[in-house]
Each structure stands twice: as C-alpha cells, then as structure tokens.
Amino acid sequence: MSSFAAAVARPFKAVHWYLKEVMGENAYVHYLEHYERHHGTREGAMCEREFWRELIDEQETNPKARCC
C-alpha cells in the first residue's frame, strides 16, 4: 500500500475502531487479552459463543444504566 493510500485509509480505520469500541463489538477480544494476562495462556478461556451468551445473561439478570 502506498503512503498516500495509507494516509487516506488511516482516518477511516480510526473511526471503524472507535465504533467497534463504543458498540462493544471488541468485548470478546478484550476478554481474551485479560484472560491471557491473568492466566498466562488462552487455553481454558470461553469460546466466543459462550462468552456472548454469558454476557447477555448477566446483563438481563443484573440490568445497569444503559441506552438499550
């Protein structure tokens, strides 16, 4: 990728990253990073489907202030 194309793409990548953070789409990635920091490996971590199911169940059981 040329430096011009990279310079043009950079703001779009930043906006994409920001929207994923705000919407919570990166929650599983953050969970894996946290798990690896505390356990030294990702072995034993929940699969993505299990993670999202547990997160949604927790939010429904213990609602907190949120927009939706």
PDB file of N, CA and C in Angstrom:
ATOM      1  N   MET A   1       0.867  -1.180   0.000  1.00  0.00           N
ATOM      2  CA  MET A   1       0.000   0.000   0.000  1.00  0.00           C
ATOM      3  C   MET A   1       0.902   1.228   0.000  1.00  0.00           C
ATOM      4  N   SER A   2       0.604   2.150  -0.875  1.00  0.00           N
ATOM      5  CA  SER A   2       1.414   3.367  -0.956  1.00  0.00           C
ATOM      6  C   SER A   2       1.181   4.236   0.273  1.00  0.00           C
ATOM      7  N   SER A   3       2.088   5.141   0.505  1.00  0.00           N
ATOM      8  CA  SER A   3       1.961   6.019   1.667  1.00  0.00           C
ATOM      9  C   SER A   3       0.728   6.917   1.541  1.00  0.00           C
ATOM     10  N   PHE A   4       0.377   7.299   0.309  1.00  0.00           N
ATOM     11  CA  PHE A   4      -0.820   8.111   0.112  1.00  0.00           C
ATOM     12  C   PHE A   4      -2.078   7.320   0.473  1.00  0.00           C
ATOM     13  N   ALA A   5      -2.157   6.092   0.000  1.00  0.00           N
ATOM     14  CA  ALA A   5      -3.323   5.255   0.297  1.00  0.00           C
ATOM     15  C   ALA A   5      -3.417   4.987   1.801  1.00  0.00           C
ATOM     16  N   ALA A   6      -2.290   4.760   2.434  1.00  0.00           N
ATOM     17  CA  ALA A   6      -2.284   4.536   3.881  1.00  0.00           C
ATOM     18  C   ALA A   6      -2.755   5.784   4.621  1.00  0.00           C
ATOM     19  N   ALA A   7      -2.328   6.941   4.153  1.00  0.00           N
ATOM     20  CA  ALA A   7      -2.736   8.196   4.791  1.00  0.00           C
ATOM     21  C   ALA A   7      -4.232   8.438   4.625  1.00  0.00           C
ATOM     22  N   VAL A   8      -4.777   8.058   3.476  1.00  0.00           N
ATOM     23  CA  VAL A   8      -6.210   8.229   3.236  1.00  0.00           C
ATOM     24  C   VAL A   8      -7.014   7.237   4.071  1.00  0.00           C
ATOM     25  N   ALA A   9      -6.504   6.008   4.225  1.00  0.00           N
ATOM     26  CA  ALA A   9      -7.223   4.959   4.948  1.00  0.00           C
ATOM     27  C   ALA A   9      -7.165   5.146   6.464  1.00  0.00           C
ATOM     28  N   ARG A  10      -6.140   5.802   6.978  1.00  0.00           N
ATOM     29  CA  ARG A  10      -5.934   5.927   8.422  1.00  0.00           C
ATOM     30  C   ARG A  10      -7.142   6.495   9.171  1.00  0.00           C
ATOM     31  N   PRO A  11      -7.757   7.603   8.735  1.00  0.00           N
ATOM     32  CA  PRO A  11      -8.914   8.122   9.480  1.00  0.00           C
ATOM     33  C   PRO A  11     -10.103   7.155   9.468  1.00  0.00           C
ATOM     34  N   PHE A  12     -10.290   6.458   8.354  1.00  0.00           N
ATOM     35  CA  PHE A  12     -11.395   5.505   8.278  1.00  0.00           C
ATOM     36  C   PHE A  12     -11.171   4.325   9.219  1.00  0.00           C
ATOM     37  N   LYS A  13      -9.926   3.870   9.327  1.00  0.00           N
ATOM     38  CA  LYS A  13      -9.604   2.792  10.254  1.00  0.00           C
ATOM     39  C   LYS A  13      -9.828   3.241  11.699  1.00  0.00           C
ATOM     40  N   ALA A  14      -9.481   4.484  11.985  1.00  0.00           N
ATOM     41  CA  ALA A  14      -9.665   5.015  13.339  1.00  0.00           C
ATOM     42  C   ALA A  14     -11.146   5.094  13.692  1.00  0.00           C
ATOM     43  N   VAL A  15     -11.959   5.550  12.767  1.00  0.00           N
ATOM     44  CA  VAL A  15     -13.405   5.631  13.004  1.00  0.00           C
ATOM     45  C   VAL A  15     -13.988   4.230  13.178  1.00  0.00           C
ATOM     46  N   HIS A  16     -13.544   3.293  12.364  1.00  0.00           N
ATOM     47  CA  HIS A  16     -14.016   1.908  12.464  1.00  0.00           C
ATOM     48  C   HIS A  16     -13.677   1.322  13.833  1.00  0.00           C
ATOM     49  N   TRP A  17     -12.426   1.518  14.279  1.00  0.00           N
ATOM     50  CA  TRP A  17     -12.011   1.035  15.593  1.00  0.00           C
ATOM     51  C   TRP A  17     -12.865   1.669  16.695  1.00  0.00           C
ATOM     52  N   TYR A  18     -13.084   2.982  16.612  1.00  0.00           N
ATOM     53  CA  TYR A  18     -13.848   3.700  17.628  1.00  0.00           C
ATOM     54  C   TYR A  18     -15.283   3.175  17.708  1.00  0.00           C
ATOM     55  N   LEU A  19     -15.911   2.991  16.568  1.00  0.00           N
ATOM     56  CA  LEU A  19     -17.291   2.486  16.570  1.00  0.00           C
ATOM     57  C   LEU A  19     -17.375   1.086  17.156  1.00  0.00           C
ATOM     58  N   LYS A  20     -16.403   0.237  16.859  1.00  0.00           N
ATOM     59  CA  LYS A  20     -16.395  -1.118  17.425  1.00  0.00           C
ATOM     60  C   LYS A  20     -16.241  -1.065  18.948  1.00  0.00           C
ATOM     61  N   GLU A  21     -15.432  -0.144  19.454  1.00  0.00           N
ATOM     62  CA  GLU A  21     -15.256   0.004  20.899  1.00  0.00           C
ATOM     63  C   GLU A  21     -16.542   0.495  21.553  1.00  0.00           C
ATOM     64  N   VAL A  22     -17.152   1.508  20.967  1.00  0.00           N
ATOM     65  CA  VAL A  22     -18.369   2.091  21.540  1.00  0.00           C
ATOM     66  C   VAL A  22     -19.514   1.077  21.546  1.00  0.00           C
ATOM     67  N   MET A  23     -19.639   0.311  20.481  1.00  0.00           N
ATOM     68  CA  MET A  23     -20.736  -0.644  20.360  1.00  0.00           C
ATOM     69  C   MET A  23     -20.480  -1.927  21.138  1.00  0.00           C
ATOM     70  N   GLY A  24     -19.273  -2.117  21.643  1.00  0.00           N
ATOM     71  CA  GLY A  24     -18.964  -3.302  22.434  1.00  0.00           C
ATOM     72  C   GLY A  24     -18.583  -4.515  21.611  1.00  0.00           C
ATOM     73  N   GLU A  25     -18.353  -4.318  20.338  1.00  0.00           N
ATOM     74  CA  GLU A  25     -18.027  -5.441  19.458  1.00  0.00           C
ATOM     75  C   GLU A  25     -16.681  -6.072  19.806  1.00  0.00           C
ATOM     76  N   ASN A  26     -15.793  -5.318  20.428  1.00  0.00           N
ATOM     77  CA  ASN A  26     -14.471  -5.818  20.788  1.00  0.00           C
ATOM     78  C   ASN A  26     -14.437  -6.454  22.179  1.00  0.00           C
ATOM     79  N   ALA A  27     -15.563  -6.648  22.808  1.00  0.00           N
ATOM     80  CA  ALA A  27     -15.598  -7.173  24.172  1.00  0.00           C
ATOM     81  C   ALA A  27     -14.937  -8.537  24.275  1.00  0.00           C
ATOM     82  N   TYR A  28     -15.158  -9.394  23.312  1.00  0.00           N
ATOM     83  CA  TYR A  28     -14.567 -10.733  23.379  1.00  0.00           C
ATOM     84  C   TYR A  28     -13.043 -10.662  23.238  1.00  0.00           C
ATOM     85  N   VAL A  29     -12.556  -9.798  22.364  1.00  0.00           N
ATOM     86  CA  VAL A  29     -11.111  -9.628  22.206  1.00  0.00           C
ATOM     87  C   VAL A  29     -10.501  -9.129  23.512  1.00  0.00           C
ATOM     88  N   HIS A  30     -11.163  -8.179  24.161  1.00  0.00           N
ATOM     89  CA  HIS A  30     -10.675  -7.663  25.436  1.00  0.00           C
ATOM     90  C   HIS A  30     -10.708  -8.749  26.519  1.00  0.00           C
ATOM     91  N   TYR A  31     -11.742  -9.580  26.491  1.00  0.00           N
ATOM     92  CA  TYR A  31     -11.822 -10.699  27.443  1.00  0.00           C
ATOM     93  C   TYR A  31     -10.635 -11.639  27.251  1.00  0.00           C
ATOM     94  N   LEU A  32     -10.329 -11.990  25.999  1.00  0.00           N
ATOM     95  CA  LEU A  32      -9.206 -12.896  25.744  1.00  0.00           C
ATOM     96  C   LEU A  32      -7.883 -12.297  26.194  1.00  0.00           C
ATOM     97  N   GLU A  33      -7.683 -10.999  25.950  1.00  0.00           N
ATOM     98  CA  GLU A  33      -6.455 -10.333  26.382  1.00  0.00           C
ATOM     99  C   GLU A  33      -6.345 -10.347  27.904  1.00  0.00           C
ATOM    100  N   HIS A  34      -7.450 -10.056  28.580  1.00  0.00           N
ATOM    101  CA  HIS A  34      -7.472 -10.071  30.037  1.00  0.00           C
ATOM    102  C   HIS A  34      -7.191 -11.476  30.570  1.00  0.00           C
ATOM    103  N   TYR A  35      -7.829 -12.462  29.974  1.00  0.00           N
ATOM    104  CA  TYR A  35      -7.652 -13.854  30.406  1.00  0.00           C
ATOM    105  C   TYR A  35      -6.190 -14.268  30.256  1.00  0.00           C
ATOM    106  N   GLU A  36      -5.598 -13.925  29.132  1.00  0.00           N
ATOM    107  CA  GLU A  36      -4.202 -14.300  28.888  1.00  0.00           C
ATOM    108  C   GLU A  36      -3.253 -13.599  29.856  1.00  0.00           C
ATOM    109  N   ARG A  37      -3.524 -12.335  30.176  1.00  0.00           N
ATOM    110  CA  ARG A  37      -2.684 -11.619  31.144  1.00  0.00           C
ATOM    111  C   ARG A  37      -2.723 -12.274  32.515  1.00  0.00           C
ATOM    112  N   HIS A  38      -3.905 -12.757  32.918  1.00  0.00           N
ATOM    113  CA  HIS A  38      -4.052 -13.309  34.263  1.00  0.00           C
ATOM    114  C   HIS A  38      -3.739 -14.795  34.364  1.00  0.00           C
ATOM    115  N   HIS A  39      -3.842 -15.538  33.276  1.00  0.00           N
ATOM    116  CA  HIS A  39      -3.621 -16.985  33.315  1.00  0.00           C
ATOM    117  C   HIS A  39      -2.394 -17.421  32.523  1.00  0.00           C
ATOM    118  N   GLY A  40      -1.789 -16.506  31.776  1.00  0.00           N
ATOM    119  CA  GLY A  40      -0.595 -16.827  31.019  1.00  0.00           C
ATOM    120  C   GLY A  40      -0.855 -17.583  29.728  1.00  0.00           C
ATOM    121  N   THR A  41      -2.085 -17.932  29.460  1.00  0.00           N
ATOM    122  CA  THR A  41      -2.461 -18.650  28.248  1.00  0.00           C
ATOM    123  C   THR A  41      -3.926 -18.388  27.942  1.00  0.00           C
ATOM    124  N   ARG A  42      -4.312 -18.653  26.710  1.00  0.00           N
ATOM    125  CA  ARG A  42      -5.727 -18.521  26.351  1.00  0.00           C
ATOM    126  C   ARG A  42      -6.437 -19.867  26.470  1.00  0.00           C
ATOM    127  N   GLU A  43      -5.668 -20.896  26.758  1.00  0.00           N
ATOM    128  CA  GLU A  43      -6.269 -22.214  26.928  1.00  0.00           C
ATOM    129  C   GLU A  43      -7.180 -22.201  28.160  1.00  0.00           C
ATOM    130  N   GLY A  44      -8.401 -22.658  27.982  1.00  0.00           N
ATOM    131  CA  GLY A  44      -9.361 -22.662  29.069  1.00  0.00           C
ATOM    132  C   GLY A  44     -10.322 -21.482  29.026  1.00  0.00           C
ATOM    133  N   ALA A  45     -10.062 -20.524  28.153  1.00  0.00           N
ATOM    134  CA  ALA A  45     -10.961 -19.374  28.016  1.00  0.00           C
ATOM    135  C   ALA A  45     -12.247 -19.822  27.327  1.00  0.00           C
ATOM    136  N   MET A  46     -13.324 -19.090  27.582  1.00  0.00           N
ATOM    137  CA  MET A  46     -14.596 -19.403  26.941  1.00  0.00           C
ATOM    138  C   MET A  46     -14.490 -19.186  25.433  1.00  0.00           C
ATOM    139  N   CYS A  47     -15.243 -19.975  24.681  1.00  0.00           N
ATOM    140  CA  CYS A  47     -15.325 -19.722  23.243  1.00  0.00           C
ATOM    141  C   CYS A  47     -16.166 -18.462  23.055  1.00  0.00           C
ATOM    142  N   GLU A  48     -16.139 -17.907  21.867  1.00  0.00           N
ATOM    143  CA  GLU A  48     -16.831 -16.636  21.626  1.00  0.00           C
ATOM    144  C   GLU A  48     -18.332 -16.749  21.864  1.00  0.00           C
ATOM    145  N   ARG A  49     -18.921 -17.819  21.414  1.00  0.00           N
ATOM    146  CA  ARG A  49     -20.367 -18.003  21.587  1.00  0.00           C
ATOM    147  C   ARG A  49     -20.732 -18.077  23.072  1.00  0.00           C
ATOM    148  N   GLU A  50     -19.950 -18.817  23.829  1.00  0.00           N
ATOM    149  CA  GLU A  50     -20.178 -18.953  25.269  1.00  0.00           C
ATOM    150  C   GLU A  50     -20.014 -17.600  25.975  1.00  0.00           C
ATOM    151  N   PHE A  51     -18.992 -16.835  25.551  1.00  0.00           N
ATOM    152  CA  PHE A  51     -18.753 -15.522  26.134  1.00  0.00           C
ATOM    153  C   PHE A  51     -19.962 -14.607  25.951  1.00  0.00           C
ATOM    154  N   TRP A  52     -20.458 -14.518  24.711  1.00  0.00           N
ATOM    155  CA  TRP A  52     -21.573 -13.614  24.438  1.00  0.00           C
ATOM    156  C   TRP A  52     -22.839 -14.064  25.160  1.00  0.00           C
ATOM    157  N   ARG A  53     -23.068 -15.377  25.226  1.00  0.00           N
ATOM    158  CA  ARG A  53     -24.248 -15.879  25.922  1.00  0.00           C
ATOM    159  C   ARG A  53     -24.189 -15.497  27.403  1.00  0.00           C
ATOM    160  N   GLU A  54     -23.018 -15.683  28.039  1.00  0.00           N
ATOM    161  CA  GLU A  54     -22.864 -15.338  29.458  1.00  0.00           C
ATOM    162  C   GLU A  54     -23.005 -13.835  29.681  1.00  0.00           C
ATOM    163  N   LEU A  55     -22.443 -13.033  28.781  1.00  0.00           N
ATOM    164  CA  LEU A  55     -22.540 -11.578  28.913  1.00  0.00           C
ATOM    165  C   LEU A  55     -23.989 -11.109  28.828  1.00  0.00           C
ATOM    166  N   ILE A  56     -24.727 -11.609  27.850  1.00  0.00           N
ATOM    167  CA  ILE A  56     -26.133 -11.224  27.685  1.00  0.00           C
ATOM    168  C   ILE A  56     -26.959 -11.687  28.880  1.00  0.00           C
ATOM    169  N   ASP A  57     -26.719 -12.911  29.345  1.00  0.00           N
ATOM    170  CA  ASP A  57     -27.443 -13.405  30.522  1.00  0.00           C
ATOM    171  C   ASP A  57     -27.179 -12.527  31.739  1.00  0.00           C
ATOM    172  N   GLU A  58     -25.931 -12.126  31.930  1.00  0.00           N
ATOM    173  CA  GLU A  58     -25.563 -11.262  33.053  1.00  0.00           C
ATOM    174  C   GLU A  58     -26.260  -9.910  32.942  1.00  0.00           C
ATOM    175  N   GLN A  59     -26.309  -9.346  31.743  1.00  0.00           N
ATOM    176  CA  GLN A  59     -26.955  -8.052  31.546  1.00  0.00           C
ATOM    177  C   GLN A  59     -28.458  -8.134  31.787  1.00  0.00           C
ATOM    178  N   GLU A  60     -29.068  -9.245  31.415  1.00  0.00           N
ATOM    179  CA  GLU A  60     -30.505  -9.400  31.645  1.00  0.00           C
ATOM    180  C   GLU A  60     -30.819  -9.662  33.112  1.00  0.00           C
ATOM    181  N   THR A  61     -29.953 -10.384  33.799  1.00  0.00           N
ATOM    182  CA  THR A  61     -30.158 -10.693  35.208  1.00  0.00           C
ATOM    183  C   THR A  61     -29.911  -9.478  36.096  1.00  0.00           C
ATOM    184  N   ASN A  62     -28.877  -8.717  35.790  1.00  0.00           N
ATOM    185  CA  ASN A  62     -28.484  -7.556  36.589  1.00  0.00           C
ATOM    186  C   ASN A  62     -28.421  -6.319  35.706  1.00  0.00           C
ATOM    187  N   PRO A  63     -29.577  -5.750  35.353  1.00  0.00           N
ATOM    188  CA  PRO A  63     -29.543  -4.578  34.448  1.00  0.00           C
ATOM    189  C   PRO A  63     -28.895  -3.378  35.111  1.00  0.00           C
ATOM    190  N   LYS A  64     -28.147  -2.653  34.306  1.00  0.00           N
ATOM    191  CA  LYS A  64     -27.499  -1.422  34.752  1.00  0.00           C
ATOM    192  C   LYS A  64     -27.934  -0.309  33.816  1.00  0.00           C
ATOM    193  N   ALA A  65     -27.586   0.884  34.149  1.00  0.00           N
ATOM    194  CA  ALA A  65     -27.944   2.024  33.292  1.00  0.00           C
ATOM    195  C   ALA A  65     -27.277   1.866  31.937  1.00  0.00           C
ATOM    196  N   ARG A  66     -28.056   1.782  30.903  1.00  0.00           N
ATOM    197  CA  ARG A  66     -27.562   1.736  29.545  1.00  0.00           C
ATOM    198  C   ARG A  66     -28.634   2.226  28.610  1.00  0.00           C
ATOM    199  N   CYS A  67     -28.288   2.527  27.403  1.00  0.00           N
ATOM    200  CA  CYS A  67     -29.243   3.137  26.494  1.00  0.00           C
ATOM    201  C   CYS A  67     -30.316   2.158  26.014  1.00  0.00           C
ATOM    202  N   CYS A  68     -29.991   0.875  25.866  1.00  0.00           N
ATOM    203  CA  CYS A  68     -30.945  -0.063  25.275  1.00  0.00           C
ATOM    204  C   CYS A  68     -31.133  -1.309  26.126  1.00  0.00           C
TER     205      CYS A  68
END
